[in-house]
Amino acid sequence: MGDNSLIRAHFMNLWQQCRSLLETLALVDSAQLLPKIEAQAEGWNIEDANPARERDSVRLLILIARDLHPLPARLDRQLAALEGTSDLARTLHDSAQIMPHKLVESHWELVRKAAARYHIPSKVENEAEFQELQAVGREALFRAAQKYYKKPRGPFKSFAWPLIRQSMREEQARRHPVPFKIRKKLAALGALREEARLRELTFNKDEMRARLKMSPEEFHELLQIEAIWGNGLEFETEVELEDIEAPDHSLDQLSMLLEIEDQKRLDHAMARMIDPEKTLIHQLYFEEKTLREVAEEMQLSLPSFKKLHKKALGEMKRLLNRG
């Protein structure tokens, strides 16, 4: 590490300049500030008073000052309202926009949507497991925010997404013994069964195996795994950031019906449906929201929502069959 006396003098000078711009910094104990800065400066690669690292120095200083401030929300407000054309004023304002707590607060939705897409369902839906997956994502989001604050580059969402995705994959691997390739085959098998049911077709095992392009041994093993873990229909992998922010277009029961039925019959059936089934169908399949988004908007637990979903699908099919 560089000369401590030089670093101390550098930050003391910077601190005085910051206090002249933000009166609320007078509430921060300078005696606690400098030791914390010295302890973290090396981790930030601030080893001397190099002017080229001035922005890094400001970010570190204001971050520690906020941690020590008795009223951090007041500091946040003054930073947001800070005006000025000096380099220091602009750096303080820019730093405030990407403080870890700000990034975390403004990106909770990314974690929720990622968890909804990466959650691996089993035969018995376990909401606790979904919540734990979100907790893993939140921890990854916080770590990403801390790393990004040290070296901001590009959009934060693009920076954070790989870390969130990796953390969720590791959690899945720890919880779920079925490899990714097998889960993908389970999803294909489940989709094939659902297609056959909706179109009132009958596929024997050989026909299903042929459509899945599997050997007899592979297909037999897949059926055994399906008996334990279900069909994996809700599981999606290799999801990119753009997909996370878009509606869920996965093929499901009513999506297949929409492909089969003509628009006139569909409109007629929707006109005869009543709430809450009508609202569920409209939001889920016409507004293209995810299952969890609609459940939250309707203020239903997942088990209750799934029961209503099943009832709504049955009602829609009955109305379509009436013509």
C-alpha atoms as a PDB file:
ATOM      1  CA  MET A   1       0.000   0.000   0.000  1.00  0.00           C
ATOM      2  CA  GLY A   2       1.162   3.562  -0.650  1.00  0.00           C
ATOM      3  CA  ASP A   3       2.185   6.178   1.912  1.00  0.00           C
ATOM      4  CA  ASN A   4      -0.608   6.317   4.513  1.00  0.00           C
ATOM      5  CA  SER A   5       0.123   9.952   5.306  1.00  0.00           C
ATOM      6  CA  LEU A   6      -0.369  10.930   1.664  1.00  0.00           C
ATOM      7  CA  ILE A   7      -3.601   8.980   1.403  1.00  0.00           C
ATOM      8  CA  ARG A   8      -4.838  10.469   4.667  1.00  0.00           C
ATOM      9  CA  ALA A   9      -4.061  14.003   3.485  1.00  0.00           C
ATOM     10  CA  HIS A  10      -5.698  13.268   0.120  1.00  0.00           C
ATOM     11  CA  PHE A  11      -8.951  12.114   1.710  1.00  0.00           C
ATOM     12  CA  MET A  12      -8.948  14.878   4.331  1.00  0.00           C
ATOM     13  CA  ASN A  13      -8.756  17.464   1.557  1.00  0.00           C
ATOM     14  CA  LEU A  14     -11.474  15.684  -0.404  1.00  0.00           C
ATOM     15  CA  TRP A  15     -13.614  15.414   2.724  1.00  0.00           C
ATOM     16  CA  GLN A  16     -13.466  19.139   3.366  1.00  0.00           C
ATOM     17  CA  GLN A  17     -14.535  19.836  -0.229  1.00  0.00           C
ATOM     18  CA  CYS A  18     -17.473  17.432   0.090  1.00  0.00           C
ATOM     19  CA  ARG A  19     -18.581  19.022   3.360  1.00  0.00           C
ATOM     20  CA  SER A  20     -18.637  22.427   1.662  1.00  0.00           C
ATOM     21  CA  LEU A  21     -21.152  21.045  -0.843  1.00  0.00           C
ATOM     22  CA  LEU A  22     -23.245  18.911   1.512  1.00  0.00           C
ATOM     23  CA  GLU A  23     -23.986  20.480   4.891  1.00  0.00           C
ATOM     24  CA  THR A  24     -25.419  17.248   6.284  1.00  0.00           C
ATOM     25  CA  LEU A  25     -21.945  15.677   6.224  1.00  0.00           C
ATOM     26  CA  ALA A  26     -21.230  17.734   9.352  1.00  0.00           C
ATOM     27  CA  LEU A  27     -23.149  15.020  11.220  1.00  0.00           C
ATOM     28  CA  VAL A  28     -20.545  12.383  10.282  1.00  0.00           C
ATOM     29  CA  ASP A  29     -17.762  11.735  12.811  1.00  0.00           C
ATOM     30  CA  SER A  30     -14.511  12.403  10.922  1.00  0.00           C
ATOM     31  CA  ALA A  31     -12.563  10.471  13.558  1.00  0.00           C
ATOM     32  CA  GLN A  32     -14.366   7.283  12.462  1.00  0.00           C
ATOM     33  CA  LEU A  33     -14.311   8.123   8.773  1.00  0.00           C
ATOM     34  CA  LEU A  34     -10.567   8.158   8.080  1.00  0.00           C
ATOM     35  CA  PRO A  35      -9.722   4.792   9.699  1.00  0.00           C
ATOM     36  CA  LYS A  36     -12.487   3.117   7.674  1.00  0.00           C
ATOM     37  CA  ILE A  37     -11.246   4.730   4.464  1.00  0.00           C
ATOM     38  CA  GLU A  38      -7.672   3.615   5.126  1.00  0.00           C
ATOM     39  CA  ALA A  39      -8.879   0.069   5.807  1.00  0.00           C
ATOM     40  CA  GLN A  40     -10.760  -0.124   2.496  1.00  0.00           C
ATOM     41  CA  ALA A  41      -8.550   1.961   0.203  1.00  0.00           C
ATOM     42  CA  GLU A  42      -6.324  -0.964  -0.701  1.00  0.00           C
ATOM     43  CA  GLY A  43      -9.319  -3.081  -1.705  1.00  0.00           C
ATOM     44  CA  TRP A  44     -10.311  -0.250  -4.022  1.00  0.00           C
ATOM     45  CA  ASN A  45      -6.758  -0.063  -5.402  1.00  0.00           C
ATOM     46  CA  ILE A  46      -6.428   3.472  -4.100  1.00  0.00           C
ATOM     47  CA  GLU A  47      -2.815   3.312  -2.999  1.00  0.00           C
ATOM     48  CA  ASP A  48      -1.827   6.923  -3.484  1.00  0.00           C
ATOM     49  CA  ALA A  49      -3.269  10.345  -4.196  1.00  0.00           C
ATOM     50  CA  ASN A  50      -3.258   9.827  -7.945  1.00  0.00           C
ATOM     51  CA  PRO A  51      -5.652  12.377  -9.537  1.00  0.00           C
ATOM     52  CA  ALA A  52      -6.652   9.742 -12.088  1.00  0.00           C
ATOM     53  CA  ARG A  53      -8.352   7.825  -9.252  1.00  0.00           C
ATOM     54  CA  GLU A  54     -10.255  10.866  -7.990  1.00  0.00           C
ATOM     55  CA  ARG A  55     -13.686   9.496  -8.935  1.00  0.00           C
ATOM     56  CA  ASP A  56     -12.920   6.223  -7.159  1.00  0.00           C
ATOM     57  CA  SER A  57     -11.861   8.181  -4.079  1.00  0.00           C
ATOM     58  CA  VAL A  58     -15.114  10.157  -4.078  1.00  0.00           C
ATOM     59  CA  ARG A  59     -17.240   7.012  -4.414  1.00  0.00           C
ATOM     60  CA  LEU A  60     -15.429   5.308  -1.536  1.00  0.00           C
ATOM     61  CA  LEU A  61     -15.597   8.398   0.673  1.00  0.00           C
ATOM     62  CA  ILE A  62     -19.306   9.072   0.186  1.00  0.00           C
ATOM     63  CA  LEU A  63     -20.181   5.373   0.625  1.00  0.00           C
ATOM     64  CA  ILE A  64     -18.427   5.212   4.007  1.00  0.00           C
ATOM     65  CA  ALA A  65     -19.848   8.597   4.982  1.00  0.00           C
ATOM     66  CA  ARG A  66     -23.359   7.266   4.353  1.00  0.00           C
ATOM     67  CA  ASP A  67     -22.675   4.188   6.491  1.00  0.00           C
ATOM     68  CA  LEU A  68     -21.622   6.471   9.355  1.00  0.00           C
ATOM     69  CA  HIS A  69     -24.318   9.089   8.879  1.00  0.00           C
ATOM     70  CA  PRO A  70     -26.989   9.041  11.632  1.00  0.00           C
ATOM     71  CA  LEU A  71     -29.623  10.104   9.058  1.00  0.00           C
ATOM     72  CA  PRO A  72     -28.610   8.444   5.766  1.00  0.00           C
ATOM     73  CA  ALA A  73     -31.927   9.305   4.093  1.00  0.00           C
ATOM     74  CA  ARG A  74     -31.136  13.001   4.581  1.00  0.00           C
ATOM     75  CA  LEU A  75     -27.794  12.517   2.862  1.00  0.00           C
ATOM     76  CA  ASP A  76     -29.549  10.710   0.004  1.00  0.00           C
ATOM     77  CA  ARG A  77     -31.911  13.654  -0.455  1.00  0.00           C
ATOM     78  CA  GLN A  78     -29.104  16.215  -0.480  1.00  0.00           C
ATOM     79  CA  LEU A  79     -27.103  14.163  -2.965  1.00  0.00           C
ATOM     80  CA  ALA A  80     -30.137  13.883  -5.248  1.00  0.00           C
ATOM     81  CA  ALA A  81     -30.723  17.647  -5.075  1.00  0.00           C
ATOM     82  CA  LEU A  82     -27.044  18.561  -5.460  1.00  0.00           C
ATOM     83  CA  GLU A  83     -26.423  21.067  -8.233  1.00  0.00           C
ATOM     84  CA  GLY A  84     -23.188  22.426  -9.568  1.00  0.00           C
ATOM     85  CA  THR A  85     -20.863  22.230 -12.523  1.00  0.00           C
ATOM     86  CA  SER A  86     -17.660  21.320 -10.716  1.00  0.00           C
ATOM     87  CA  ASP A  87     -16.135  17.884 -11.280  1.00  0.00           C
ATOM     88  CA  LEU A  88     -16.655  17.033  -7.620  1.00  0.00           C
ATOM     89  CA  ALA A  89     -20.352  17.987  -7.666  1.00  0.00           C
ATOM     90  CA  ARG A  90     -20.948  15.895 -10.784  1.00  0.00           C
ATOM     91  CA  THR A  91     -19.027  12.950  -9.344  1.00  0.00           C
ATOM     92  CA  LEU A  92     -20.998  13.090  -6.094  1.00  0.00           C
ATOM     93  CA  HIS A  93     -24.284  13.237  -7.998  1.00  0.00           C
ATOM     94  CA  ASP A  94     -23.295  10.346 -10.280  1.00  0.00           C
ATOM     95  CA  SER A  95     -22.075   8.292  -7.326  1.00  0.00           C
ATOM     96  CA  ALA A  96     -25.392   8.745  -5.547  1.00  0.00           C
ATOM     97  CA  GLN A  97     -27.254   7.180  -8.486  1.00  0.00           C
ATOM     98  CA  ILE A  98     -25.283   3.933  -8.304  1.00  0.00           C
ATOM     99  CA  MET A  99     -24.835   3.436  -4.574  1.00  0.00           C
ATOM    100  CA  PRO A 100     -25.391  -0.241  -3.730  1.00  0.00           C
ATOM    101  CA  HIS A 101     -28.576   0.354  -1.752  1.00  0.00           C
ATOM    102  CA  LYS A 102     -30.035   2.376  -4.645  1.00  0.00           C
ATOM    103  CA  LEU A 103     -29.208  -0.312  -7.197  1.00  0.00           C
ATOM    104  CA  VAL A 104     -30.688  -3.025  -5.003  1.00  0.00           C
ATOM    105  CA  GLU A 105     -33.883  -1.044  -4.328  1.00  0.00           C
ATOM    106  CA  SER A 106     -34.444  -0.331  -8.013  1.00  0.00           C
ATOM    107  CA  HIS A 107     -33.751  -3.881  -9.236  1.00  0.00           C
ATOM    108  CA  TRP A 108     -35.778  -6.134  -6.888  1.00  0.00           C
ATOM    109  CA  GLU A 109     -38.116  -6.891  -9.797  1.00  0.00           C
ATOM    110  CA  LEU A 110     -35.255  -8.424 -11.769  1.00  0.00           C
ATOM    111  CA  VAL A 111     -34.706 -10.970  -8.998  1.00  0.00           C
ATOM    112  CA  ARG A 112     -38.415 -11.804  -8.757  1.00  0.00           C
ATOM    113  CA  LYS A 113     -38.766 -12.356 -12.489  1.00  0.00           C
ATOM    114  CA  ALA A 114     -35.580 -14.390 -12.666  1.00  0.00           C
ATOM    115  CA  ALA A 115     -36.754 -16.617  -9.809  1.00  0.00           C
ATOM    116  CA  ALA A 116     -40.124 -17.106 -11.529  1.00  0.00           C
ATOM    117  CA  ARG A 117     -38.368 -18.287 -14.682  1.00  0.00           C
ATOM    118  CA  TYR A 118     -35.678 -20.406 -13.024  1.00  0.00           C
ATOM    119  CA  HIS A 119     -37.835 -22.076 -10.388  1.00  0.00           C
ATOM    120  CA  ILE A 120     -37.895 -25.842 -10.916  1.00  0.00           C
ATOM    121  CA  PRO A 121     -41.361 -27.215 -10.168  1.00  0.00           C
ATOM    122  CA  SER A 122     -41.974 -30.642  -8.722  1.00  0.00           C
ATOM    123  CA  LYS A 123     -45.131 -32.646  -8.347  1.00  0.00           C
ATOM    124  CA  VAL A 124     -45.924 -30.726  -5.163  1.00  0.00           C
ATOM    125  CA  GLU A 125     -45.440 -26.967  -5.576  1.00  0.00           C
ATOM    126  CA  ASN A 126     -43.329 -25.640  -2.712  1.00  0.00           C
ATOM    127  CA  GLU A 127     -43.661 -21.887  -2.223  1.00  0.00           C
ATOM    128  CA  ALA A 128     -40.919 -21.961   0.419  1.00  0.00           C
ATOM    129  CA  GLU A 129     -38.447 -23.213  -2.183  1.00  0.00           C
ATOM    130  CA  PHE A 130     -39.407 -20.383  -4.506  1.00  0.00           C
ATOM    131  CA  GLN A 131     -38.880 -17.856  -1.718  1.00  0.00           C
ATOM    132  CA  GLU A 132     -35.476 -19.365  -0.961  1.00  0.00           C
ATOM    133  CA  LEU A 133     -34.525 -19.056  -4.618  1.00  0.00           C
ATOM    134  CA  GLN A 134     -35.478 -15.378  -4.483  1.00  0.00           C
ATOM    135  CA  ALA A 135     -33.327 -14.980  -1.370  1.00  0.00           C
ATOM    136  CA  VAL A 136     -30.358 -16.420  -3.246  1.00  0.00           C
ATOM    137  CA  GLY A 137     -31.021 -13.977  -6.083  1.00  0.00           C
ATOM    138  CA  ARG A 138     -31.234 -11.031  -3.685  1.00  0.00           C
ATOM    139  CA  GLU A 139     -27.868 -11.912  -2.175  1.00  0.00           C
ATOM    140  CA  ALA A 140     -26.380 -12.089  -5.668  1.00  0.00           C
ATOM    141  CA  LEU A 141     -27.969  -8.739  -6.532  1.00  0.00           C
ATOM    142  CA  PHE A 142     -26.407  -7.133  -3.468  1.00  0.00           C
ATOM    143  CA  ARG A 143     -22.964  -8.542  -4.307  1.00  0.00           C
ATOM    144  CA  ALA A 144     -23.356  -7.316  -7.875  1.00  0.00           C
ATOM    145  CA  ALA A 145     -24.281  -3.830  -6.653  1.00  0.00           C
ATOM    146  CA  GLN A 146     -21.185  -3.687  -4.460  1.00  0.00           C
ATOM    147  CA  LYS A 147     -18.902  -4.783  -7.295  1.00  0.00           C
ATOM    148  CA  TYR A 148     -20.507  -2.421  -9.773  1.00  0.00           C
ATOM    149  CA  TYR A 149     -20.131   0.551  -7.438  1.00  0.00           C
ATOM    150  CA  LYS A 150     -16.386  -0.021  -7.309  1.00  0.00           C
ATOM    151  CA  LYS A 151     -16.017  -0.213 -11.073  1.00  0.00           C
ATOM    152  CA  PRO A 152     -19.173   0.960 -12.876  1.00  0.00           C
ATOM    153  CA  ARG A 153     -19.270  -0.055 -16.520  1.00  0.00           C
ATOM    154  CA  GLY A 154     -22.218  -0.442 -18.869  1.00  0.00           C
ATOM    155  CA  PRO A 155     -25.848  -0.953 -17.780  1.00  0.00           C
ATOM    156  CA  PHE A 156     -26.179  -2.418 -14.300  1.00  0.00           C
ATOM    157  CA  LYS A 157     -28.812  -4.955 -15.391  1.00  0.00           C
ATOM    158  CA  SER A 158     -26.395  -6.499 -17.879  1.00  0.00           C
ATOM    159  CA  PHE A 159     -23.703  -6.567 -15.188  1.00  0.00           C
ATOM    160  CA  ALA A 160     -25.914  -8.106 -12.487  1.00  0.00           C
ATOM    161  CA  TRP A 161     -27.819 -10.664 -14.551  1.00  0.00           C
ATOM    162  CA  PRO A 162     -24.982 -13.230 -15.017  1.00  0.00           C
ATOM    163  CA  LEU A 163     -24.296 -13.179 -11.264  1.00  0.00           C
ATOM    164  CA  ILE A 164     -27.976 -13.662 -10.409  1.00  0.00           C
ATOM    165  CA  ARG A 165     -28.334 -16.414 -13.003  1.00  0.00           C
ATOM    166  CA  GLN A 166     -25.234 -18.255 -11.788  1.00  0.00           C
ATOM    167  CA  SER A 167     -26.323 -18.097  -8.154  1.00  0.00           C
ATOM    168  CA  MET A 168     -29.742 -19.540  -9.022  1.00  0.00           C
ATOM    169  CA  ARG A 169     -28.220 -22.298 -11.144  1.00  0.00           C
ATOM    170  CA  GLU A 170     -25.925 -23.281  -8.306  1.00  0.00           C
ATOM    171  CA  GLU A 171     -28.892 -23.365  -5.916  1.00  0.00           C
ATOM    172  CA  GLN A 172     -30.845 -25.504  -8.374  1.00  0.00           C
ATOM    173  CA  ALA A 173     -27.943 -27.916  -8.790  1.00  0.00           C
ATOM    174  CA  ARG A 174     -27.744 -28.234  -5.014  1.00  0.00           C
ATOM    175  CA  ARG A 175     -31.482 -28.928  -4.668  1.00  0.00           C
ATOM    176  CA  HIS A 176     -32.331 -30.800  -7.861  1.00  0.00           C
ATOM    177  CA  PRO A 177     -30.442 -33.995  -8.797  1.00  0.00           C
ATOM    178  CA  VAL A 178     -31.875 -34.232 -12.331  1.00  0.00           C
ATOM    179  CA  PRO A 179     -29.396 -32.865 -14.927  1.00  0.00           C
ATOM    180  CA  PHE A 180     -30.380 -30.004 -17.214  1.00  0.00           C
ATOM    181  CA  LYS A 181     -30.560 -32.157 -20.386  1.00  0.00           C
ATOM    182  CA  ILE A 182     -32.964 -34.566 -18.715  1.00  0.00           C
ATOM    183  CA  ARG A 183     -35.177 -31.743 -17.437  1.00  0.00           C
ATOM    184  CA  LYS A 184     -35.371 -30.399 -20.974  1.00  0.00           C
ATOM    185  CA  LYS A 185     -36.520 -33.814 -22.227  1.00  0.00           C
ATOM    186  CA  LEU A 186     -39.090 -33.990 -19.434  1.00  0.00           C
ATOM    187  CA  ALA A 187     -40.503 -30.664 -20.576  1.00  0.00           C
ATOM    188  CA  ALA A 188     -40.760 -31.936 -24.162  1.00  0.00           C
ATOM    189  CA  LEU A 189     -42.513 -35.099 -22.995  1.00  0.00           C
ATOM    190  CA  GLY A 190     -44.971 -33.100 -20.904  1.00  0.00           C
ATOM    191  CA  ALA A 191     -45.752 -30.781 -23.802  1.00  0.00           C
ATOM    192  CA  LEU A 192     -46.388 -33.780 -26.045  1.00  0.00           C
ATOM    193  CA  ARG A 193     -48.804 -35.317 -23.548  1.00  0.00           C
ATOM    194  CA  GLU A 194     -50.682 -32.019 -23.204  1.00  0.00           C
ATOM    195  CA  GLU A 195     -50.935 -31.590 -26.972  1.00  0.00           C
ATOM    196  CA  ALA A 196     -52.380 -35.082 -27.287  1.00  0.00           C
ATOM    197  CA  ARG A 197     -54.948 -34.397 -24.542  1.00  0.00           C
ATOM    198  CA  LEU A 198     -56.126 -31.109 -26.001  1.00  0.00           C
ATOM    199  CA  ARG A 199     -56.377 -32.422 -29.540  1.00  0.00           C
ATOM    200  CA  GLU A 200     -58.011 -35.614 -28.255  1.00  0.00           C
ATOM    201  CA  LEU A 201     -55.335 -37.751 -29.836  1.00  0.00           C
ATOM    202  CA  THR A 202     -53.833 -40.979 -28.553  1.00  0.00           C
ATOM    203  CA  PHE A 203     -50.101 -41.588 -28.771  1.00  0.00           C
ATOM    204  CA  ASN A 204     -48.737 -44.968 -27.769  1.00  0.00           C
ATOM    205  CA  LYS A 205     -45.268 -45.192 -26.225  1.00  0.00           C
ATOM    206  CA  ASP A 206     -43.558 -46.005 -29.513  1.00  0.00           C
ATOM    207  CA  GLU A 207     -45.139 -42.998 -31.240  1.00  0.00           C
ATOM    208  CA  MET A 208     -44.141 -40.700 -28.381  1.00  0.00           C
ATOM    209  CA  ARG A 209     -40.611 -42.065 -28.391  1.00  0.00           C
ATOM    210  CA  ALA A 210     -40.352 -41.553 -32.146  1.00  0.00           C
ATOM    211  CA  ARG A 211     -41.558 -37.951 -31.913  1.00  0.00           C
ATOM    212  CA  LEU A 212     -39.021 -37.278 -29.181  1.00  0.00           C
ATOM    213  CA  LYS A 213     -36.301 -39.022 -31.239  1.00  0.00           C
ATOM    214  CA  MET A 214     -35.161 -41.228 -28.380  1.00  0.00           C
ATOM    215  CA  SER A 215     -33.968 -44.808 -28.138  1.00  0.00           C
ATOM    216  CA  PRO A 216     -36.156 -47.340 -26.256  1.00  0.00           C
ATOM    217  CA  GLU A 217     -33.673 -47.359 -23.363  1.00  0.00           C
ATOM    218  CA  GLU A 218     -33.582 -43.553 -23.137  1.00  0.00           C
ATOM    219  CA  PHE A 219     -37.366 -43.295 -23.262  1.00  0.00           C
ATOM    220  CA  HIS A 220     -37.829 -45.955 -20.570  1.00  0.00           C
ATOM    221  CA  GLU A 221     -35.393 -44.122 -18.291  1.00  0.00           C
ATOM    222  CA  LEU A 222     -37.163 -40.817 -18.958  1.00  0.00           C
ATOM    223  CA  LEU A 223     -40.537 -42.304 -17.941  1.00  0.00           C
ATOM    224  CA  GLN A 224     -39.022 -43.511 -14.686  1.00  0.00           C
ATOM    225  CA  ILE A 225     -37.620 -40.056 -13.931  1.00  0.00           C
ATOM    226  CA  GLU A 226     -40.939 -38.422 -14.851  1.00  0.00           C
ATOM    227  CA  ALA A 227     -42.734 -40.630 -12.326  1.00  0.00           C
ATOM    228  CA  ILE A 228     -40.630 -39.033  -9.585  1.00  0.00           C
ATOM    229  CA  TRP A 229     -40.018 -35.450 -10.720  1.00  0.00           C
ATOM    230  CA  GLY A 230     -42.956 -34.580 -12.949  1.00  0.00           C
ATOM    231  CA  ASN A 231     -42.799 -33.196 -16.483  1.00  0.00           C
ATOM    232  CA  GLY A 232     -40.809 -29.984 -15.982  1.00  0.00           C
ATOM    233  CA  LEU A 233     -43.174 -27.966 -18.164  1.00  0.00           C
ATOM    234  CA  GLU A 234     -42.672 -24.742 -16.218  1.00  0.00           C
ATOM    235  CA  PHE A 235     -38.882 -24.888 -16.264  1.00  0.00           C
ATOM    236  CA  GLU A 236     -36.976 -22.718 -18.750  1.00  0.00           C
ATOM    237  CA  THR A 237     -33.204 -22.465 -19.189  1.00  0.00           C
ATOM    238  CA  GLU A 238     -30.669 -20.305 -20.968  1.00  0.00           C
ATOM    239  CA  VAL A 239     -32.938 -17.291 -20.439  1.00  0.00           C
ATOM    240  CA  GLU A 240     -31.376 -14.016 -21.557  1.00  0.00           C
ATOM    241  CA  LEU A 241     -31.953 -10.676 -19.861  1.00  0.00           C
ATOM    242  CA  GLU A 242     -34.278  -9.511 -22.652  1.00  0.00           C
ATOM    243  CA  ASP A 243     -36.429 -12.633 -22.144  1.00  0.00           C
ATOM    244  CA  ILE A 244     -36.705 -12.005 -18.409  1.00  0.00           C
ATOM    245  CA  GLU A 245     -38.177  -8.548 -19.057  1.00  0.00           C
ATOM    246  CA  ALA A 246     -40.638  -9.824 -21.666  1.00  0.00           C
ATOM    247  CA  PRO A 247     -43.964 -11.623 -21.077  1.00  0.00           C
ATOM    248  CA  ASP A 248     -43.881 -15.393 -20.596  1.00  0.00           C
ATOM    249  CA  HIS A 249     -44.728 -16.998 -23.957  1.00  0.00           C
ATOM    250  CA  SER A 250     -44.267 -20.625 -22.885  1.00  0.00           C
ATOM    251  CA  LEU A 251     -46.692 -23.030 -24.548  1.00  0.00           C
ATOM    252  CA  ASP A 252     -49.401 -24.230 -22.183  1.00  0.00           C
ATOM    253  CA  GLN A 253     -52.964 -25.489 -22.220  1.00  0.00           C
ATOM    254  CA  LEU A 254     -54.873 -22.441 -23.407  1.00  0.00           C
ATOM    255  CA  SER A 255     -52.056 -21.334 -25.710  1.00  0.00           C
ATOM    256  CA  MET A 256     -52.607 -24.563 -27.604  1.00  0.00           C
ATOM    257  CA  LEU A 257     -56.362 -23.951 -27.629  1.00  0.00           C
ATOM    258  CA  LEU A 258     -55.784 -20.495 -29.036  1.00  0.00           C
ATOM    259  CA  GLU A 259     -53.874 -22.055 -31.909  1.00  0.00           C
ATOM    260  CA  ILE A 260     -56.694 -24.497 -32.595  1.00  0.00           C
ATOM    261  CA  GLU A 261     -59.789 -22.321 -32.222  1.00  0.00           C
ATOM    262  CA  ASP A 262     -60.845 -19.459 -34.494  1.00  0.00           C
ATOM    263  CA  GLN A 263     -61.028 -15.920 -33.152  1.00  0.00           C
ATOM    264  CA  LYS A 264     -64.816 -15.593 -33.443  1.00  0.00           C
ATOM    265  CA  ARG A 265     -65.480 -18.634 -31.263  1.00  0.00           C
ATOM    266  CA  LEU A 266     -62.849 -17.464 -28.809  1.00  0.00           C
ATOM    267  CA  ASP A 267     -64.385 -13.991 -28.472  1.00  0.00           C
ATOM    268  CA  HIS A 268     -67.822 -15.536 -28.008  1.00  0.00           C
ATOM    269  CA  ALA A 269     -66.524 -17.830 -25.249  1.00  0.00           C
ATOM    270  CA  MET A 270     -64.748 -14.962 -23.470  1.00  0.00           C
ATOM    271  CA  ALA A 271     -67.935 -12.871 -23.539  1.00  0.00           C
ATOM    272  CA  ARG A 272     -69.791 -15.641 -21.683  1.00  0.00           C
ATOM    273  CA  MET A 273     -67.161 -16.140 -18.977  1.00  0.00           C
ATOM    274  CA  ILE A 274     -67.558 -14.484 -15.570  1.00  0.00           C
ATOM    275  CA  ASP A 275     -65.069 -13.305 -12.953  1.00  0.00           C
ATOM    276  CA  PRO A 276     -62.765 -14.297 -11.437  1.00  0.00           C
ATOM    277  CA  GLU A 277     -62.133 -16.903 -14.142  1.00  0.00           C
ATOM    278  CA  LYS A 278     -62.548 -14.321 -16.915  1.00  0.00           C
ATOM    279  CA  THR A 279     -60.011 -11.954 -15.353  1.00  0.00           C
ATOM    280  CA  LEU A 280     -57.511 -14.786 -14.909  1.00  0.00           C
ATOM    281  CA  ILE A 281     -57.796 -15.925 -18.535  1.00  0.00           C
ATOM    282  CA  HIS A 282     -57.618 -12.388 -19.897  1.00  0.00           C
ATOM    283  CA  GLN A 283     -54.532 -11.387 -17.923  1.00  0.00           C
ATOM    284  CA  LEU A 284     -52.698 -14.664 -18.344  1.00  0.00           C
ATOM    285  CA  TYR A 285     -53.308 -15.332 -22.029  1.00  0.00           C
ATOM    286  CA  PHE A 286     -54.313 -12.041 -23.630  1.00  0.00           C
ATOM    287  CA  GLU A 287     -52.145  -9.639 -21.631  1.00  0.00           C
ATOM    288  CA  GLU A 288     -49.448 -12.366 -21.579  1.00  0.00           C
ATOM    289  CA  LYS A 289     -48.475 -11.983 -17.936  1.00  0.00           C
ATOM    290  CA  THR A 290     -46.731 -14.735 -15.987  1.00  0.00           C
ATOM    291  CA  LEU A 291     -48.550 -17.043 -13.583  1.00  0.00           C
ATOM    292  CA  ARG A 292     -46.970 -15.391 -10.572  1.00  0.00           C
ATOM    293  CA  GLU A 293     -47.715 -11.858 -11.795  1.00  0.00           C
ATOM    294  CA  VAL A 294     -51.415 -12.648 -12.189  1.00  0.00           C
ATOM    295  CA  ALA A 295     -51.547 -14.475  -8.849  1.00  0.00           C
ATOM    296  CA  GLU A 296     -50.079 -11.439  -7.111  1.00  0.00           C
ATOM    297  CA  GLU A 297     -52.458  -9.021  -8.824  1.00  0.00           C
ATOM    298  CA  MET A 298     -55.441 -11.181  -7.858  1.00  0.00           C
ATOM    299  CA  GLN A 299     -54.023 -11.513  -4.327  1.00  0.00           C
ATOM    300  CA  LEU A 300     -54.130 -15.299  -4.406  1.00  0.00           C
ATOM    301  CA  SER A 301     -51.656 -17.803  -3.035  1.00  0.00           C
ATOM    302  CA  LEU A 302     -50.093 -20.065  -5.636  1.00  0.00           C
ATOM    303  CA  PRO A 303     -52.086 -23.165  -4.578  1.00  0.00           C
ATOM    304  CA  SER A 304     -55.364 -21.176  -4.730  1.00  0.00           C
ATOM    305  CA  PHE A 305     -54.391 -19.613  -8.033  1.00  0.00           C
ATOM    306  CA  LYS A 306     -53.613 -22.995  -9.591  1.00  0.00           C
ATOM    307  CA  LYS A 307     -57.009 -24.342  -8.548  1.00  0.00           C
ATOM    308  CA  LEU A 308     -58.721 -21.323 -10.104  1.00  0.00           C
ATOM    309  CA  HIS A 309     -56.520 -21.631 -13.196  1.00  0.00           C
ATOM    310  CA  LYS A 310     -57.585 -25.242 -13.685  1.00  0.00           C
ATOM    311  CA  LYS A 311     -61.245 -24.292 -13.212  1.00  0.00           C
ATOM    312  CA  ALA A 312     -60.944 -21.397 -15.695  1.00  0.00           C
ATOM    313  CA  LEU A 313     -59.340 -23.630 -18.339  1.00  0.00           C
ATOM    314  CA  GLY A 314     -62.115 -26.180 -17.921  1.00  0.00           C
ATOM    315  CA  GLU A 315     -64.759 -23.501 -18.287  1.00  0.00           C
ATOM    316  CA  MET A 316     -63.089 -22.065 -21.388  1.00  0.00           C
ATOM    317  CA  LYS A 317     -62.898 -25.472 -23.025  1.00  0.00           C
ATOM    318  CA  ARG A 318     -66.564 -26.156 -22.177  1.00  0.00           C
ATOM    319  CA  LEU A 319     -67.642 -22.854 -23.772  1.00  0.00           C
ATOM    320  CA  LEU A 320     -65.535 -23.473 -26.857  1.00  0.00           C
ATOM    321  CA  ASN A 321     -67.021 -26.943 -27.290  1.00  0.00           C
ATOM    322  CA  ARG A 322     -70.539 -25.444 -27.104  1.00  0.00           C
ATOM    323  CA  GLY A 323     -69.653 -23.250 -30.103  1.00  0.00           C
END
